[in-house]
Amino acid sequence: MAKKFKKDIPLYFDYRDVKTLQKFVNIYGQIEPATKTGLSAKQQRQLTVAIKRARHLALLAFVANA
């Protein structure tokens, strides 16, 4: 599978930047794997923490609206 998002990757993932975080969440509300996002392991961990913080503060949904 080809890496998908290699361009437009921010240096730091901010939990308040919901538009950027939504790019890394699929239609079912799951975080995309590093193989699909093209992020390094460190960036993927930062992304995961940012998404989980945004979910906890109700900035992002835990599941998609179906």
Protein backbone atom coordinates (compact mmCIF):
# COMPACT_ATOMS: atom_id res chain seq x y z
CA MET A 1 0.00 0.00 0.00
CA ALA A 2 1.31 3.43 -0.89
CA LYS A 3 1.89 6.14 1.66
CA LYS A 4 -0.96 8.57 1.41
CA PHE A 5 -0.41 11.92 3.16
CA LYS A 6 3.35 12.58 2.95
CA LYS A 7 2.84 16.23 1.92
CA ASP A 8 1.27 18.82 4.21
CA ILE A 9 2.47 17.21 7.44
CA PRO A 10 2.77 19.76 10.24
CA LEU A 11 5.84 19.88 12.46
CA TYR A 12 3.64 19.59 15.56
CA PHE A 13 0.15 18.14 15.95
CA ASP A 14 -2.05 20.44 18.01
CA TYR A 15 -5.19 18.99 19.57
CA ARG A 16 -7.05 22.25 18.85
CA ASP A 17 -6.41 22.01 15.09
CA VAL A 18 -9.38 19.80 14.34
CA LYS A 19 -9.25 20.19 10.55
CA THR A 20 -5.74 18.74 10.41
CA LEU A 21 -6.57 15.92 12.81
CA GLN A 22 -9.64 14.92 10.79
CA LYS A 23 -7.40 14.18 7.81
CA PHE A 24 -5.83 11.35 9.81
CA VAL A 25 -9.13 9.80 10.99
CA ASN A 26 -11.15 7.55 8.69
CA ILE A 27 -14.92 7.64 8.18
CA TYR A 28 -15.43 5.21 11.07
CA GLY A 29 -13.56 7.43 13.54
CA GLN A 30 -10.43 5.27 13.62
CA ILE A 31 -6.92 6.71 13.52
CA GLU A 32 -5.20 5.80 10.25
CA PRO A 33 -2.11 3.57 10.61
CA ALA A 34 1.39 4.90 10.02
CA THR A 35 1.68 2.83 6.84
CA LYS A 36 -1.17 4.82 5.36
CA THR A 37 -0.30 8.26 6.74
CA GLY A 38 3.41 8.07 5.96
CA LEU A 39 4.38 9.46 9.36
CA SER A 40 7.41 8.40 11.37
CA ALA A 41 6.83 6.49 14.60
CA LYS A 42 7.41 9.63 16.68
CA GLN A 43 4.99 11.69 14.56
CA GLN A 44 2.38 8.91 14.71
CA ARG A 45 2.58 8.90 18.53
CA GLN A 46 2.19 12.69 18.62
CA LEU A 47 -0.79 12.43 16.29
CA THR A 48 -2.42 9.75 18.45
CA VAL A 49 -2.01 11.81 21.62
CA ALA A 50 -3.43 14.92 19.90
CA ILE A 51 -6.47 13.02 18.56
CA LYS A 52 -7.16 11.43 21.94
CA ARG A 53 -6.93 14.82 23.68
CA ALA A 54 -9.28 16.36 21.13
CA ARG A 55 -11.75 13.51 21.65
CA HIS A 56 -11.59 13.88 25.42
CA LEU A 57 -12.37 17.60 25.14
CA ALA A 58 -15.22 16.87 22.68
CA LEU A 59 -13.50 18.63 19.79
CA LEU A 60 -13.53 15.37 17.80
CA ALA A 61 -16.11 12.60 17.87
CA PHE A 62 -15.15 9.14 19.13
CA VAL A 63 -17.17 7.55 16.32
CA ALA A 64 -18.46 8.94 13.04
CA ASN A 65 -22.08 9.91 12.66
CA ALA A 66 -23.73 7.22 10.58
